[in-house]
Amino acid sequence: MNTQQYSPLFRLATKSLKYFLWVLFGFAIAYALSSGLGILHIIPILLYLLQNLFAPLGIILLCLITTAVMFESWR
């Protein structure tokens, strides 16, 4: 299937998922480096951001992906 055959909603959902996972990967690296190097004062900031910013964004992204998959299946 060619990329142009997918709907714009599906392409938006997959791009959003890609960048969301890249950001989570960056947070994992920052967490591992900060705990490994002994910079422990940044860990509560990272956890606060993950809980209050990325958890709701993840839920919204999950709903967007579900809608895109249902729309693609219907089409």
N, C-alpha and C. Protein backbone atom coordinates (compact mmCIF):
# COMPACT_ATOMS: atom_id res chain seq x y z
N MET A 1 0.84 -1.18 0.00
CA MET A 1 0.00 0.00 0.00
C MET A 1 0.88 1.24 0.00
N ASN A 2 0.58 2.14 -0.86
CA ASN A 2 1.33 3.39 -0.97
C ASN A 2 0.97 4.32 0.19
N THR A 3 1.89 5.19 0.57
CA THR A 3 1.63 6.10 1.69
C THR A 3 0.49 7.05 1.39
N GLN A 4 0.32 7.40 0.15
CA GLN A 4 -0.75 8.33 -0.20
C GLN A 4 -2.13 7.69 -0.09
N GLN A 5 -2.20 6.36 0.01
CA GLN A 5 -3.48 5.70 0.14
C GLN A 5 -4.03 5.78 1.56
N TYR A 6 -3.18 6.08 2.52
CA TYR A 6 -3.65 6.23 3.89
C TYR A 6 -4.30 7.59 4.05
N SER A 7 -5.24 7.68 4.96
CA SER A 7 -5.92 8.94 5.20
C SER A 7 -5.00 9.90 5.95
N PRO A 8 -5.27 11.19 5.86
CA PRO A 8 -4.46 12.16 6.61
C PRO A 8 -4.53 11.95 8.12
N LEU A 9 -5.66 11.46 8.60
CA LEU A 9 -5.79 11.18 10.03
C LEU A 9 -4.85 10.07 10.46
N PHE A 10 -4.74 9.03 9.64
CA PHE A 10 -3.85 7.92 9.96
C PHE A 10 -2.39 8.36 9.92
N ARG A 11 -2.03 9.17 8.93
CA ARG A 11 -0.66 9.67 8.85
C ARG A 11 -0.33 10.57 10.03
N LEU A 12 -1.30 11.40 10.47
CA LEU A 12 -1.10 12.25 11.64
C LEU A 12 -0.91 11.40 12.89
N ALA A 13 -1.71 10.35 13.02
CA ALA A 13 -1.62 9.48 14.20
C ALA A 13 -0.27 8.77 14.26
N THR A 14 0.19 8.27 13.12
CA THR A 14 1.47 7.55 13.14
C THR A 14 2.65 8.49 13.37
N LYS A 15 2.60 9.69 12.79
CA LYS A 15 3.68 10.65 13.05
C LYS A 15 3.68 11.10 14.50
N SER A 16 2.50 11.32 15.05
CA SER A 16 2.40 11.71 16.46
C SER A 16 2.93 10.61 17.37
N LEU A 17 2.60 9.37 17.05
CA LEU A 17 3.09 8.24 17.85
C LEU A 17 4.61 8.15 17.76
N LYS A 18 5.16 8.37 16.59
CA LYS A 18 6.61 8.30 16.42
C LYS A 18 7.31 9.33 17.29
N TYR A 19 6.85 10.57 17.24
CA TYR A 19 7.51 11.61 18.03
C TYR A 19 7.24 11.46 19.53
N PHE A 20 6.06 10.95 19.88
CA PHE A 20 5.76 10.69 21.29
C PHE A 20 6.72 9.64 21.84
N LEU A 21 6.95 8.58 21.08
CA LEU A 21 7.87 7.54 21.53
C LEU A 21 9.31 8.03 21.58
N TRP A 22 9.71 8.91 20.65
CA TRP A 22 11.05 9.50 20.70
C TRP A 22 11.23 10.35 21.95
N VAL A 23 10.21 11.11 22.32
CA VAL A 23 10.29 11.93 23.53
C VAL A 23 10.38 11.05 24.77
N LEU A 24 9.59 9.98 24.81
CA LEU A 24 9.68 9.06 25.95
C LEU A 24 11.05 8.40 26.03
N PHE A 25 11.62 8.07 24.88
CA PHE A 25 12.96 7.51 24.84
C PHE A 25 13.98 8.53 25.37
N GLY A 26 13.82 9.78 25.01
CA GLY A 26 14.71 10.84 25.53
C GLY A 26 14.58 10.99 27.03
N PHE A 27 13.36 10.90 27.54
CA PHE A 27 13.17 10.98 28.99
C PHE A 27 13.81 9.79 29.69
N ALA A 28 13.75 8.61 29.07
CA ALA A 28 14.38 7.43 29.66
C ALA A 28 15.89 7.60 29.72
N ILE A 29 16.46 8.16 28.67
CA ILE A 29 17.91 8.41 28.66
C ILE A 29 18.27 9.45 29.72
N ALA A 30 17.48 10.53 29.80
CA ALA A 30 17.75 11.56 30.81
C ALA A 30 17.63 10.99 32.22
N TYR A 31 16.66 10.13 32.44
CA TYR A 31 16.49 9.52 33.76
C TYR A 31 17.67 8.61 34.10
N ALA A 32 18.08 7.80 33.14
CA ALA A 32 19.20 6.88 33.39
C ALA A 32 20.50 7.65 33.62
N LEU A 33 20.74 8.68 32.83
CA LEU A 33 21.96 9.47 33.00
C LEU A 33 21.95 10.25 34.32
N SER A 34 20.81 10.80 34.68
CA SER A 34 20.77 11.58 35.92
C SER A 34 20.94 10.70 37.15
N SER A 35 20.35 9.51 37.12
CA SER A 35 20.54 8.62 38.27
C SER A 35 21.94 8.01 38.26
N GLY A 36 22.49 7.77 37.10
CA GLY A 36 23.83 7.20 37.01
C GLY A 36 24.92 8.18 37.39
N LEU A 37 24.73 9.44 37.05
CA LEU A 37 25.73 10.45 37.36
C LEU A 37 25.52 11.12 38.70
N GLY A 38 24.45 10.78 39.38
CA GLY A 38 24.21 11.32 40.70
C GLY A 38 23.52 12.66 40.71
N ILE A 39 22.91 13.04 39.62
CA ILE A 39 22.16 14.30 39.57
C ILE A 39 20.71 13.97 39.89
N LEU A 40 20.43 13.78 41.16
CA LEU A 40 19.14 13.25 41.57
C LEU A 40 18.05 14.31 41.67
N HIS A 41 18.40 15.59 41.63
CA HIS A 41 17.38 16.62 41.77
C HIS A 41 16.54 16.79 40.49
N ILE A 42 16.95 16.21 39.39
CA ILE A 42 16.18 16.32 38.15
C ILE A 42 15.12 15.21 38.04
N ILE A 43 15.26 14.14 38.81
CA ILE A 43 14.34 13.01 38.71
C ILE A 43 12.91 13.39 39.10
N PRO A 44 12.67 14.15 40.17
CA PRO A 44 11.27 14.54 40.46
C PRO A 44 10.67 15.42 39.36
N ILE A 45 11.48 16.23 38.71
CA ILE A 45 10.98 17.06 37.62
C ILE A 45 10.55 16.18 36.45
N LEU A 46 11.37 15.19 36.12
CA LEU A 46 11.03 14.28 35.04
C LEU A 46 9.77 13.48 35.35
N LEU A 47 9.65 13.01 36.57
CA LEU A 47 8.47 12.25 36.95
C LEU A 47 7.21 13.11 36.95
N TYR A 48 7.35 14.36 37.36
CA TYR A 48 6.22 15.29 37.34
C TYR A 48 5.75 15.52 35.90
N LEU A 49 6.71 15.72 34.99
CA LEU A 49 6.35 15.92 33.58
C LEU A 49 5.70 14.67 32.98
N LEU A 50 6.22 13.51 33.33
CA LEU A 50 5.64 12.28 32.80
C LEU A 50 4.21 12.06 33.29
N GLN A 51 3.97 12.35 34.56
CA GLN A 51 2.65 12.11 35.12
C GLN A 51 1.63 13.15 34.67
N ASN A 52 2.03 14.40 34.64
CA ASN A 52 1.05 15.46 34.40
C ASN A 52 0.98 15.95 32.96
N LEU A 53 1.96 15.62 32.15
CA LEU A 53 1.95 16.09 30.78
C LEU A 53 1.84 14.93 29.79
N PHE A 54 2.66 13.93 29.95
CA PHE A 54 2.73 12.88 28.94
C PHE A 54 1.69 11.78 29.14
N ALA A 55 1.18 11.60 30.34
CA ALA A 55 0.11 10.61 30.52
C ALA A 55 -1.17 11.05 29.81
N PRO A 56 -1.63 12.30 29.98
CA PRO A 56 -2.81 12.72 29.21
C PRO A 56 -2.55 12.76 27.70
N LEU A 57 -1.34 13.16 27.30
CA LEU A 57 -1.03 13.15 25.88
C LEU A 57 -1.04 11.74 25.31
N GLY A 58 -0.57 10.78 26.09
CA GLY A 58 -0.60 9.39 25.66
C GLY A 58 -2.02 8.87 25.51
N ILE A 59 -2.90 9.27 26.40
CA ILE A 59 -4.30 8.84 26.30
C ILE A 59 -4.97 9.46 25.08
N ILE A 60 -4.69 10.74 24.84
CA ILE A 60 -5.23 11.41 23.65
C ILE A 60 -4.69 10.76 22.38
N LEU A 61 -3.42 10.43 22.39
CA LEU A 61 -2.82 9.78 21.23
C LEU A 61 -3.41 8.40 21.00
N LEU A 62 -3.67 7.67 22.07
CA LEU A 62 -4.30 6.36 21.96
C LEU A 62 -5.69 6.48 21.34
N CYS A 63 -6.45 7.48 21.76
CA CYS A 63 -7.78 7.71 21.17
C CYS A 63 -7.68 8.10 19.70
N LEU A 64 -6.69 8.90 19.36
CA LEU A 64 -6.48 9.30 17.98
C LEU A 64 -6.13 8.10 17.10
N ILE A 65 -5.26 7.24 17.60
CA ILE A 65 -4.88 6.04 16.85
C ILE A 65 -6.08 5.11 16.69
N THR A 66 -6.86 4.95 17.74
CA THR A 66 -8.05 4.10 17.66
C THR A 66 -9.03 4.62 16.63
N THR A 67 -9.24 5.94 16.62
CA THR A 67 -10.14 6.53 15.65
C THR A 67 -9.61 6.36 14.23
N ALA A 68 -8.31 6.53 14.06
CA ALA A 68 -7.72 6.38 12.73
C ALA A 68 -7.82 4.94 12.23
N VAL A 69 -7.59 3.98 13.11
CA VAL A 69 -7.68 2.57 12.71
C VAL A 69 -9.13 2.21 12.37
N MET A 70 -10.06 2.70 13.15
CA MET A 70 -11.47 2.43 12.84
C MET A 70 -11.88 3.07 11.53
N PHE A 71 -11.42 4.28 11.27
CA PHE A 71 -11.73 4.96 10.02
C PHE A 71 -11.11 4.24 8.83
N GLU A 72 -9.87 3.78 8.98
CA GLU A 72 -9.22 3.04 7.90
C GLU A 72 -9.90 1.70 7.65
N SER A 73 -10.38 1.04 8.69
CA SER A 73 -11.07 -0.23 8.52
C SER A 73 -12.43 -0.03 7.85
N TRP A 74 -13.05 1.06 8.17
CA TRP A 74 -14.36 1.37 7.60
C TRP A 74 -14.23 1.74 6.12
N ARG A 75 -13.14 2.41 5.81
CA ARG A 75 -12.92 2.87 4.45
C ARG A 75 -12.58 1.68 3.60
